[in-house]
Each structure stands twice: as structure tokens, then as C-alpha cells.
């Protein structure tokens, strides 16, 4: 007699879908609306800012370390951030962001290596933006979704946590600590 046996791997598809749905959820930046100290990226990044960071792969292993010097200035309602990266392996890179105020707690940004316009929001001590970024990895360019969160600390330092995602899966994480030259 024929037995109706389920294939052992049939449970993987629903589990994978559930994992992607749960993994794609995140806290809304408005959750932090009443927190202090209040972060205003235009005020924070005006002048010269220095940062120290690292990139970790999906296992948590540090792949790269770097420092960043940022020259920030307001030109009307546009915040210009000129970022100069110096990696521990000797490589250097530069990114220039242009953020335009799109409301009290909203910004629209762009940079040469970022695809399209970035919608960013800030609330309380937090700033959040999500954007596609093309990254050169082992002789090819890969576009990641960058899920970028900045948290202002009471001592004035700013901690940045970024998840680098592909197809909703976090493949690497970036941690950066910012401090102005007088902090």
C-alpha cells in the first residue's frame, strides 16, 4: 500500500519565508521620538568630525578597519558631508553626501556611489536611512541594501550600526563611532 510521506525538506520553504519576513522587520525610527539627547545631523556634522570603524562578516569576524574624516557644512537647506576613508590596509576612499531637508525630521540624500535618492528620518536621539550601495568585492560589484542606524550618546559620541543585506539576509555589519574634534 502507498504511504503518503512528506519529504523531509518540505518544511524548509515555509521556514525560509518566515525567516525572511521576521528578518525584514525593524523598529520604526518614530519609536525613539521622545528620547534625548536629540540628534540633529546638520548640527552634529557641521565642521570636522572624526570616526573609527570596522566591517564584520556574517560570522562576526573583522574584515576591515578604518578611520573617517568628515568635513560637513550647510549650504542653505543642503547638508554636505565630504567623507574621506583611510583603511588599515592602506586603501583610501571618498564619498560626498548631499542631504536636503525634506521636513522637520526628514532628509533626502544622495551620493555618487548610492543608487537613487535616500529617504532618511530622525527622531529623538536616532537617525535612520536605508539605501542601495554598490560595493566592489573580489573583482565584481555587488549591490547591498544598507540599513543604517545612528544613535547619539549622552557624551556626544554617535554610534552607527549598519547591516549590509542581500536578498534580506545580513551578510556583513559595519560599526562606526563618531566624535567631533572637540570630543
N, C-alpha and C. Protein backbone atom coordinates (compact mmCIF):
# COMPACT_ATOMS: atom_id res chain seq x y z
N UNK A 1 0.83 -1.18 0.00
CA UNK A 1 0.00 0.00 0.00
C UNK A 1 0.88 1.25 0.00
N UNK A 2 0.46 2.30 -0.67
CA UNK A 2 1.22 3.55 -0.80
C UNK A 2 1.05 4.40 0.45
N UNK A 3 2.18 4.82 1.03
CA UNK A 3 2.13 5.72 2.18
C UNK A 3 2.38 7.14 1.71
N UNK A 4 1.63 8.05 2.24
CA UNK A 4 1.82 9.46 1.90
C UNK A 4 2.88 10.04 2.82
N UNK A 5 4.11 9.98 2.38
CA UNK A 5 5.21 10.52 3.17
C UNK A 5 5.55 11.91 2.69
N UNK A 6 5.69 12.77 3.63
CA UNK A 6 6.15 14.12 3.27
C UNK A 6 7.66 14.09 3.14
N UNK A 7 8.13 14.77 2.18
CA UNK A 7 9.58 14.86 2.03
C UNK A 7 10.14 15.63 3.21
N UNK A 8 11.27 15.21 3.74
CA UNK A 8 11.80 15.85 4.94
C UNK A 8 12.16 17.32 4.74
N UNK A 9 12.45 17.76 3.52
CA UNK A 9 12.87 19.13 3.30
C UNK A 9 11.70 20.06 3.01
N UNK A 10 10.48 19.57 2.96
CA UNK A 10 9.33 20.42 2.63
C UNK A 10 9.06 21.47 3.70
N UNK A 11 9.52 21.27 4.91
CA UNK A 11 9.34 22.26 5.96
C UNK A 11 10.30 23.43 5.81
N UNK A 12 11.34 23.28 4.97
CA UNK A 12 12.32 24.35 4.80
C UNK A 12 11.74 25.59 4.12
N UNK A 13 10.90 25.39 3.11
CA UNK A 13 10.35 26.54 2.38
C UNK A 13 9.55 27.47 3.29
N UNK A 14 8.57 26.96 4.05
CA UNK A 14 7.84 27.87 4.95
C UNK A 14 8.74 28.51 6.01
N UNK A 15 9.72 27.76 6.49
CA UNK A 15 10.65 28.30 7.48
C UNK A 15 11.48 29.43 6.87
N UNK A 16 11.92 29.24 5.65
CA UNK A 16 12.72 30.27 4.97
C UNK A 16 11.89 31.54 4.76
N UNK A 17 10.65 31.39 4.34
CA UNK A 17 9.78 32.55 4.15
C UNK A 17 9.56 33.27 5.48
N UNK A 18 9.28 32.52 6.53
CA UNK A 18 9.08 33.11 7.84
C UNK A 18 10.33 33.84 8.31
N UNK A 19 11.50 33.28 8.08
CA UNK A 19 12.75 33.92 8.47
C UNK A 19 12.95 35.24 7.74
N UNK A 20 12.63 35.26 6.44
CA UNK A 20 12.77 36.49 5.68
C UNK A 20 11.80 37.56 6.17
N UNK A 21 10.56 37.16 6.46
CA UNK A 21 9.57 38.13 6.94
C UNK A 21 10.00 38.70 8.28
N UNK A 22 10.41 37.86 9.19
CA UNK A 22 10.85 38.33 10.51
C UNK A 22 12.13 39.15 10.37
N UNK A 23 13.04 38.71 9.53
CA UNK A 23 14.31 39.40 9.35
C UNK A 23 14.17 40.76 8.70
N UNK A 24 13.10 40.99 7.93
CA UNK A 24 12.91 42.26 7.25
C UNK A 24 12.24 43.30 8.14
N UNK A 25 11.67 42.88 9.24
CA UNK A 25 11.02 43.81 10.15
C UNK A 25 12.08 44.57 10.93
N UNK A 26 11.79 45.81 11.21
CA UNK A 26 12.69 46.57 12.06
C UNK A 26 11.88 47.59 12.85
N UNK A 27 12.50 48.14 13.84
CA UNK A 27 11.88 49.17 14.65
C UNK A 27 11.71 50.42 13.80
N UNK A 28 10.59 51.09 13.94
CA UNK A 28 10.38 52.35 13.25
C UNK A 28 11.13 53.44 14.01
N UNK A 29 11.76 54.35 13.31
CA UNK A 29 12.54 55.41 13.93
C UNK A 29 11.68 56.26 14.87
N UNK A 30 10.38 56.36 14.61
CA UNK A 30 9.48 57.14 15.48
C UNK A 30 9.40 56.56 16.89
N UNK A 31 9.77 55.31 17.06
CA UNK A 31 9.81 54.68 18.37
C UNK A 31 10.69 55.49 19.34
N UNK A 32 11.68 56.23 18.80
CA UNK A 32 12.64 56.97 19.60
C UNK A 32 12.30 58.45 19.73
N UNK A 33 11.12 58.87 19.31
CA UNK A 33 10.76 60.29 19.24
C UNK A 33 10.97 61.06 20.54
N UNK A 34 10.70 60.49 21.68
CA UNK A 34 10.83 61.22 22.94
C UNK A 34 12.17 61.10 23.62
N UNK A 35 13.14 60.47 22.97
CA UNK A 35 14.43 60.23 23.63
C UNK A 35 15.36 61.44 23.52
N UNK A 36 16.31 61.48 24.45
CA UNK A 36 17.30 62.55 24.44
C UNK A 36 18.68 61.94 24.63
N UNK A 37 19.74 62.65 24.28
CA UNK A 37 19.74 63.97 23.67
C UNK A 37 19.24 63.90 22.24
N UNK A 38 18.60 64.97 21.79
CA UNK A 38 18.03 64.98 20.44
C UNK A 38 19.15 65.13 19.42
N UNK A 39 19.11 64.29 18.40
CA UNK A 39 20.11 64.34 17.32
C UNK A 39 19.60 65.20 16.18
N UNK A 40 20.41 66.15 15.78
CA UNK A 40 20.16 66.94 14.58
C UNK A 40 21.42 66.75 13.73
N UNK A 41 21.32 65.99 12.66
CA UNK A 41 22.54 65.67 11.90
C UNK A 41 23.20 66.91 11.31
N UNK A 42 22.42 67.93 10.97
CA UNK A 42 23.02 69.15 10.43
C UNK A 42 23.91 69.82 11.47
N UNK A 43 23.44 69.88 12.71
CA UNK A 43 24.25 70.48 13.77
C UNK A 43 25.42 69.56 14.13
N UNK A 44 25.16 68.27 14.22
CA UNK A 44 26.21 67.33 14.64
C UNK A 44 27.39 67.31 13.67
N UNK A 45 27.08 67.28 12.37
CA UNK A 45 28.15 67.14 11.38
C UNK A 45 28.67 68.45 10.82
N UNK A 46 28.25 69.58 11.37
CA UNK A 46 28.82 70.87 10.93
C UNK A 46 30.25 70.96 11.45
N UNK A 47 31.18 71.23 10.55
CA UNK A 47 32.60 71.28 10.93
C UNK A 47 33.27 69.96 10.63
N UNK A 48 34.36 69.69 11.35
CA UNK A 48 35.11 68.45 11.11
C UNK A 48 34.75 67.41 12.16
N UNK A 49 34.48 66.21 11.68
CA UNK A 49 34.14 65.07 12.55
C UNK A 49 35.10 63.94 12.21
N UNK A 50 35.46 63.20 13.22
CA UNK A 50 36.35 62.04 13.03
C UNK A 50 35.60 60.79 13.45
N UNK A 51 35.87 59.66 12.80
CA UNK A 51 35.18 58.41 13.12
C UNK A 51 36.14 57.23 12.98
N UNK A 52 35.83 56.17 13.73
CA UNK A 52 36.61 54.94 13.72
C UNK A 52 35.64 53.80 13.52
N UNK A 53 35.98 52.85 12.62
CA UNK A 53 35.01 51.79 12.35
C UNK A 53 35.63 50.48 11.91
N UNK A 54 34.73 49.51 11.76
CA UNK A 54 35.13 48.18 11.30
C UNK A 54 33.98 47.54 10.55
N UNK A 55 34.34 46.62 9.66
CA UNK A 55 33.38 45.80 8.92
C UNK A 55 33.56 44.37 9.38
N UNK A 56 32.45 43.74 9.78
CA UNK A 56 32.49 42.34 10.21
C UNK A 56 31.64 41.51 9.25
N UNK A 57 32.11 40.30 8.94
CA UNK A 57 31.33 39.42 8.08
C UNK A 57 30.21 38.77 8.87
N UNK A 58 29.44 37.90 8.21
CA UNK A 58 28.27 37.27 8.83
C UNK A 58 28.62 36.41 10.04
N UNK A 59 29.89 36.01 10.18
CA UNK A 59 30.33 35.22 11.33
C UNK A 59 30.79 36.11 12.48
N UNK A 60 30.92 37.41 12.23
CA UNK A 60 31.41 38.32 13.25
C UNK A 60 32.89 38.61 13.15
N UNK A 61 33.56 38.01 12.17
CA UNK A 61 35.00 38.22 12.01
C UNK A 61 35.27 39.58 11.38
N UNK A 62 36.17 40.35 11.98
CA UNK A 62 36.51 41.66 11.45
C UNK A 62 37.25 41.49 10.12
N UNK A 63 36.71 42.12 9.08
CA UNK A 63 37.29 42.04 7.74
C UNK A 63 38.11 43.29 7.40
N UNK A 64 37.65 44.45 7.91
CA UNK A 64 38.34 45.70 7.62
C UNK A 64 38.19 46.65 8.80
N UNK A 65 39.23 47.47 9.00
CA UNK A 65 39.17 48.55 9.98
C UNK A 65 39.49 49.84 9.24
N UNK A 66 38.94 50.95 9.73
CA UNK A 66 39.14 52.21 9.02
C UNK A 66 38.91 53.40 9.94
N UNK A 67 39.39 54.56 9.48
CA UNK A 67 39.06 55.83 10.09
C UNK A 67 38.41 56.69 9.01
N UNK A 68 37.62 57.65 9.45
CA UNK A 68 36.96 58.56 8.51
C UNK A 68 37.10 59.98 9.05
N UNK A 69 37.45 60.88 8.16
CA UNK A 69 37.41 62.31 8.47
C UNK A 69 36.29 62.91 7.63
N UNK A 70 35.39 63.63 8.29
CA UNK A 70 34.23 64.18 7.60
C UNK A 70 34.24 65.70 7.75
N UNK A 71 34.21 66.38 6.62
CA UNK A 71 34.03 67.83 6.62
C UNK A 71 32.57 68.08 6.26
N UNK A 72 31.83 68.68 7.19
CA UNK A 72 30.41 68.93 6.97
C UNK A 72 30.10 70.41 6.97
N UNK A 73 29.18 70.80 6.09
CA UNK A 73 28.76 72.20 6.05
C UNK A 73 27.34 72.30 5.50
N UNK A 74 26.66 73.33 5.95
CA UNK A 74 25.32 73.62 5.45
C UNK A 74 25.43 74.65 4.35
N UNK A 75 24.76 74.38 3.24
CA UNK A 75 24.66 75.32 2.13
C UNK A 75 23.16 75.53 1.92
N UNK A 76 22.59 76.52 2.58
CA UNK A 76 21.14 76.69 2.58
C UNK A 76 20.51 75.56 3.37
N UNK A 77 19.61 74.81 2.73
CA UNK A 77 18.98 73.65 3.37
C UNK A 77 19.67 72.35 3.00
N UNK A 78 20.85 72.43 2.41
CA UNK A 78 21.59 71.23 2.00
C UNK A 78 22.78 71.00 2.92
N UNK A 79 22.83 69.82 3.52
CA UNK A 79 23.97 69.40 4.34
C UNK A 79 24.91 68.61 3.44
N UNK A 80 26.14 69.07 3.34
CA UNK A 80 27.15 68.40 2.51
C UNK A 80 28.15 67.74 3.46
N UNK A 81 28.32 66.42 3.30
CA UNK A 81 29.27 65.65 4.11
C UNK A 81 30.33 65.06 3.19
N UNK A 82 31.54 65.55 3.29
CA UNK A 82 32.66 65.06 2.50
C UNK A 82 33.44 64.07 3.36
N UNK A 83 33.25 62.78 3.09
CA UNK A 83 33.83 61.70 3.90
C UNK A 83 35.10 61.17 3.23
N UNK A 84 36.18 61.10 4.00
CA UNK A 84 37.44 60.54 3.50
C UNK A 84 37.81 59.36 4.37
N UNK A 85 37.81 58.17 3.75
CA UNK A 85 38.07 56.91 4.45
C UNK A 85 39.54 56.53 4.28
N UNK A 86 40.14 56.09 5.37
CA UNK A 86 41.51 55.54 5.35
C UNK A 86 41.43 54.16 5.98
N UNK A 87 41.64 53.11 5.17
CA UNK A 87 41.55 51.73 5.64
C UNK A 87 42.90 51.26 6.18
N UNK A 88 42.86 50.34 7.13
CA UNK A 88 44.08 49.82 7.75
C UNK A 88 45.02 49.17 6.74
N UNK A 89 44.47 48.66 5.61
CA UNK A 89 45.30 48.02 4.59
C UNK A 89 45.93 49.03 3.61
N UNK A 90 45.72 50.33 3.87
CA UNK A 90 46.33 51.35 3.02
C UNK A 90 45.40 51.93 1.96
N UNK A 91 44.27 51.30 1.72
CA UNK A 91 43.32 51.80 0.72
C UNK A 91 42.65 53.07 1.23
N UNK A 92 42.32 53.96 0.32
CA UNK A 92 41.60 55.19 0.66
C UNK A 92 40.36 55.28 -0.21
N UNK A 93 39.34 55.96 0.29
CA UNK A 93 38.09 56.12 -0.46
C UNK A 93 37.46 57.45 -0.05
N UNK A 94 36.55 57.91 -0.87
CA UNK A 94 35.87 59.17 -0.59
C UNK A 94 34.41 59.06 -1.01
N UNK A 95 33.54 59.62 -0.19
CA UNK A 95 32.11 59.70 -0.53
C UNK A 95 31.65 61.09 -0.12
N UNK A 96 30.91 61.73 -1.01
CA UNK A 96 30.33 63.04 -0.69
C UNK A 96 28.81 62.89 -0.69
N UNK A 97 28.23 63.09 0.49
CA UNK A 97 26.78 63.05 0.64
C UNK A 97 26.22 64.46 0.51
N UNK A 98 25.05 64.57 -0.08
CA UNK A 98 24.29 65.81 -0.12
C UNK A 98 22.89 65.50 0.39
N UNK A 99 22.57 66.02 1.57
CA UNK A 99 21.26 65.82 2.19
C UNK A 99 20.48 67.12 2.14
N UNK A 100 19.26 67.04 1.63
CA UNK A 100 18.37 68.20 1.62
C UNK A 100 17.26 67.97 2.62
N UNK A 101 16.97 69.00 3.41
CA UNK A 101 15.88 68.91 4.37
C UNK A 101 14.57 68.71 3.63
N UNK A 102 13.80 67.71 4.05
CA UNK A 102 12.52 67.41 3.40
C UNK A 102 11.38 67.54 4.40
N UNK A 103 11.63 68.21 5.50
CA UNK A 103 10.66 68.36 6.57
C UNK A 103 11.41 68.45 7.88
N UNK A 104 10.66 68.59 8.96
CA UNK A 104 11.30 68.78 10.27
C UNK A 104 12.23 67.62 10.64
N UNK A 105 11.81 66.39 10.39
CA UNK A 105 12.61 65.22 10.78
C UNK A 105 12.94 64.33 9.59
N UNK A 106 12.92 64.89 8.41
CA UNK A 106 13.17 64.10 7.20
C UNK A 106 14.24 64.75 6.33
N UNK A 107 15.01 63.88 5.69
CA UNK A 107 16.06 64.32 4.77
C UNK A 107 16.00 63.46 3.51
N UNK A 108 16.46 64.03 2.42
CA UNK A 108 16.67 63.28 1.17
C UNK A 108 18.14 63.43 0.83
N UNK A 109 18.80 62.27 0.63
CA UNK A 109 20.23 62.32 0.38
C UNK A 109 20.63 61.62 -0.90
N UNK A 110 21.82 61.96 -1.33
CA UNK A 110 22.40 61.29 -2.50
C UNK A 110 23.91 61.35 -2.40
N UNK A 111 24.53 60.36 -3.02
CA UNK A 111 25.99 60.30 -3.15
C UNK A 111 26.29 59.58 -4.45
N UNK A 112 27.46 59.80 -5.02
CA UNK A 112 27.78 59.23 -6.33
C UNK A 112 27.67 57.72 -6.39
N UNK A 113 28.04 57.02 -5.32
CA UNK A 113 28.03 55.55 -5.35
C UNK A 113 26.75 54.95 -4.76
N UNK A 114 25.76 55.80 -4.50
CA UNK A 114 24.48 55.34 -3.97
C UNK A 114 23.44 55.46 -5.08
N UNK A 115 22.67 54.40 -5.27
CA UNK A 115 21.67 54.38 -6.33
C UNK A 115 20.42 55.14 -5.89
N UNK A 116 20.06 56.19 -6.62
CA UNK A 116 18.83 56.91 -6.36
C UNK A 116 18.90 57.84 -5.17
N UNK A 117 17.72 58.27 -4.75
CA UNK A 117 17.57 59.20 -3.62
C UNK A 117 17.33 58.40 -2.34
N UNK A 118 18.02 58.77 -1.28
CA UNK A 118 17.89 58.10 0.01
C UNK A 118 16.90 58.90 0.86
N UNK A 119 15.90 58.22 1.37
CA UNK A 119 14.96 58.83 2.31
C UNK A 119 15.47 58.54 3.72
N UNK A 120 15.70 59.59 4.50
CA UNK A 120 16.23 59.43 5.86
C UNK A 120 15.31 60.14 6.84
N UNK A 121 15.25 59.58 8.05
CA UNK A 121 14.42 60.16 9.11
C UNK A 121 15.20 60.20 10.41
N UNK A 122 14.87 61.19 11.21
CA UNK A 122 15.47 61.26 12.54
C UNK A 122 14.36 61.48 13.55
N UNK A 123 14.55 60.93 14.75
CA UNK A 123 13.60 61.09 15.85
C UNK A 123 14.36 60.91 17.15
N UNK A 124 14.20 61.85 18.06
CA UNK A 124 14.90 61.76 19.33
C UNK A 124 16.40 61.67 19.10
N UNK A 125 17.03 60.67 19.67
CA UNK A 125 18.49 60.53 19.56
C UNK A 125 18.92 59.66 18.37
N UNK A 126 17.97 59.35 17.45
CA UNK A 126 18.23 58.37 16.40
C UNK A 126 18.04 58.96 14.99
N UNK A 127 18.90 58.50 14.07
CA UNK A 127 18.80 58.82 12.64
C UNK A 127 18.83 57.50 11.90
N UNK A 128 17.95 57.34 10.89
CA UNK A 128 17.89 56.08 10.14
C UNK A 128 17.75 56.35 8.65
N UNK A 129 18.47 55.55 7.87
CA UNK A 129 18.29 55.56 6.41
C UNK A 129 18.60 54.17 5.87
N UNK A 130 17.94 53.86 4.78
CA UNK A 130 18.14 52.58 4.09
C UNK A 130 18.37 52.91 2.62
N UNK A 131 19.41 52.30 2.03
CA UNK A 131 19.75 52.66 0.66
C UNK A 131 20.56 51.55 -0.01
N UNK A 132 20.49 51.49 -1.34
CA UNK A 132 21.33 50.52 -2.07
C UNK A 132 22.72 51.11 -2.32
N UNK A 133 23.74 50.30 -2.07
CA UNK A 133 25.12 50.74 -2.27
C UNK A 133 25.88 49.66 -3.03
N UNK A 134 26.54 50.07 -4.09
CA UNK A 134 27.36 49.14 -4.86
C UNK A 134 28.74 49.05 -4.22
N UNK A 135 29.16 47.82 -3.91
CA UNK A 135 30.43 47.58 -3.24
C UNK A 135 31.26 46.63 -4.10
N UNK A 136 32.54 46.97 -4.26
CA UNK A 136 33.43 46.11 -5.04
C UNK A 136 33.94 44.99 -4.13
N UNK A 137 33.62 43.75 -4.48
CA UNK A 137 34.01 42.58 -3.68
C UNK A 137 34.64 41.55 -4.61
N UNK A 138 35.90 41.24 -4.38
CA UNK A 138 36.60 40.20 -5.15
C UNK A 138 36.34 40.28 -6.65
N UNK A 139 36.77 41.36 -7.27
CA UNK A 139 36.71 41.56 -8.72
C UNK A 139 35.31 41.72 -9.31
N UNK A 140 34.31 42.02 -8.47
CA UNK A 140 32.98 42.28 -9.03
C UNK A 140 32.25 43.27 -8.12
N UNK A 141 31.26 43.92 -8.70
CA UNK A 141 30.45 44.86 -7.94
C UNK A 141 29.16 44.19 -7.50
N UNK A 142 28.85 44.34 -6.21
CA UNK A 142 27.63 43.76 -5.64
C UNK A 142 26.85 44.91 -5.01
N UNK A 143 25.55 44.96 -5.27
CA UNK A 143 24.70 45.97 -4.66
C UNK A 143 24.08 45.40 -3.39
N UNK A 144 24.37 46.05 -2.28
CA UNK A 144 23.82 45.69 -0.98
C UNK A 144 22.76 46.70 -0.59
N UNK A 145 21.82 46.28 0.24
CA UNK A 145 20.92 47.22 0.89
C UNK A 145 21.55 47.55 2.23
N UNK A 146 21.82 48.82 2.44
CA UNK A 146 22.43 49.28 3.67
C UNK A 146 21.32 49.76 4.60
N UNK A 147 21.22 49.15 5.77
CA UNK A 147 20.23 49.54 6.78
C UNK A 147 21.01 50.24 7.89
N UNK A 148 21.00 51.55 7.86
CA UNK A 148 21.93 52.41 8.59
C UNK A 148 21.22 53.11 9.75
N UNK A 149 21.69 52.86 10.98
CA UNK A 149 21.12 53.45 12.19
C UNK A 149 22.21 54.18 12.96
N UNK A 150 21.94 55.44 13.33
CA UNK A 150 22.87 56.23 14.15
C UNK A 150 22.19 56.58 15.46
N UNK A 151 22.95 56.46 16.57
CA UNK A 151 22.43 56.69 17.91
C UNK A 151 23.33 57.68 18.64
N UNK A 152 22.80 58.87 18.98
CA UNK A 152 23.57 59.87 19.72
C UNK A 152 23.62 59.48 21.19
N UNK A 153 24.82 59.45 21.74
CA UNK A 153 25.04 59.10 23.13
C UNK A 153 25.07 60.36 24.00
N UNK A 154 24.79 60.22 25.30
CA UNK A 154 24.79 61.39 26.19
C UNK A 154 26.12 62.16 26.21
N UNK A 155 27.24 61.49 25.94
CA UNK A 155 28.54 62.17 25.96
C UNK A 155 28.87 62.86 24.63
N UNK A 156 27.95 62.80 23.66
CA UNK A 156 28.17 63.47 22.38
C UNK A 156 28.72 62.58 21.29
N UNK A 157 29.11 61.37 21.63
CA UNK A 157 29.55 60.45 20.57
C UNK A 157 28.33 59.91 19.84
N UNK A 158 28.55 59.53 18.60
CA UNK A 158 27.48 59.00 17.77
C UNK A 158 27.89 57.59 17.34
N UNK A 159 27.06 56.60 17.63
CA UNK A 159 27.35 55.22 17.26
C UNK A 159 26.50 54.86 16.05
N UNK A 160 27.15 54.34 15.02
CA UNK A 160 26.49 53.97 13.77
C UNK A 160 26.58 52.45 13.60
N UNK A 161 25.42 51.81 13.42
CA UNK A 161 25.35 50.36 13.15
C UNK A 161 24.67 50.20 11.80
N UNK A 162 25.34 49.52 10.89
CA UNK A 162 24.79 49.31 9.56
C UNK A 162 24.80 47.82 9.23
N UNK A 163 23.65 47.32 8.79
CA UNK A 163 23.57 45.94 8.31
C UNK A 163 23.66 45.99 6.78
N UNK A 164 24.57 45.20 6.22
CA UNK A 164 24.70 45.08 4.77
C UNK A 164 23.93 43.84 4.36
N UNK A 165 22.83 44.05 3.61
CA UNK A 165 21.94 42.94 3.30
C UNK A 165 21.89 42.67 1.80
N UNK A 166 21.67 41.41 1.50
CA UNK A 166 21.43 40.96 0.13
C UNK A 166 20.28 39.97 0.21
N UNK A 167 19.22 40.22 -0.55
CA UNK A 167 18.01 39.38 -0.53
C UNK A 167 17.44 39.26 0.89
N UNK A 168 17.57 40.34 1.69
CA UNK A 168 17.03 40.36 3.04
C UNK A 168 17.88 39.68 4.09
N UNK A 169 19.01 39.14 3.69
CA UNK A 169 19.89 38.43 4.63
C UNK A 169 21.10 39.32 4.94
N UNK A 170 21.41 39.49 6.23
CA UNK A 170 22.56 40.29 6.62
C UNK A 170 23.83 39.48 6.38
N UNK A 171 24.69 40.02 5.50
CA UNK A 171 25.95 39.35 5.16
C UNK A 171 27.14 39.99 5.85
N UNK A 172 26.99 41.23 6.28
CA UNK A 172 28.07 41.93 6.99
C UNK A 172 27.46 43.05 7.82
N UNK A 173 28.22 43.50 8.80
CA UNK A 173 27.79 44.63 9.63
C UNK A 173 28.94 45.61 9.77
N UNK A 174 28.57 46.89 9.81
CA UNK A 174 29.55 47.95 9.99
C UNK A 174 29.24 48.65 11.30
N UNK A 175 30.27 48.90 12.08
CA UNK A 175 30.13 49.68 13.31
C UNK A 175 31.08 50.86 13.20
N UNK A 176 30.55 52.07 13.46
CA UNK A 176 31.36 53.29 13.41
C UNK A 176 31.04 54.12 14.65
N UNK A 177 32.08 54.69 15.24
CA UNK A 177 31.91 55.61 16.37
C UNK A 177 32.42 56.97 15.91
N UNK A 178 31.53 57.99 15.95
CA UNK A 178 31.86 59.35 15.54
C UNK A 178 32.12 60.21 16.77
N UNK A 179 33.03 61.16 16.61
CA UNK A 179 33.27 62.17 17.63
C UNK A 179 33.77 63.41 16.94
N UNK A 180 33.26 64.58 17.31
CA UNK A 180 33.78 65.82 16.72
C UNK A 180 35.18 66.06 17.26
N UNK A 181 35.89 66.94 16.66
CA UNK A 181 37.29 67.16 17.04
C UNK A 181 37.42 67.66 18.48
N UNK A 182 36.36 68.24 19.06
CA UNK A 182 36.44 68.70 20.45
C UNK A 182 35.88 67.69 21.44
N UNK A 183 35.52 66.49 20.99
CA UNK A 183 35.00 65.46 21.89
C UNK A 183 36.02 64.37 22.08
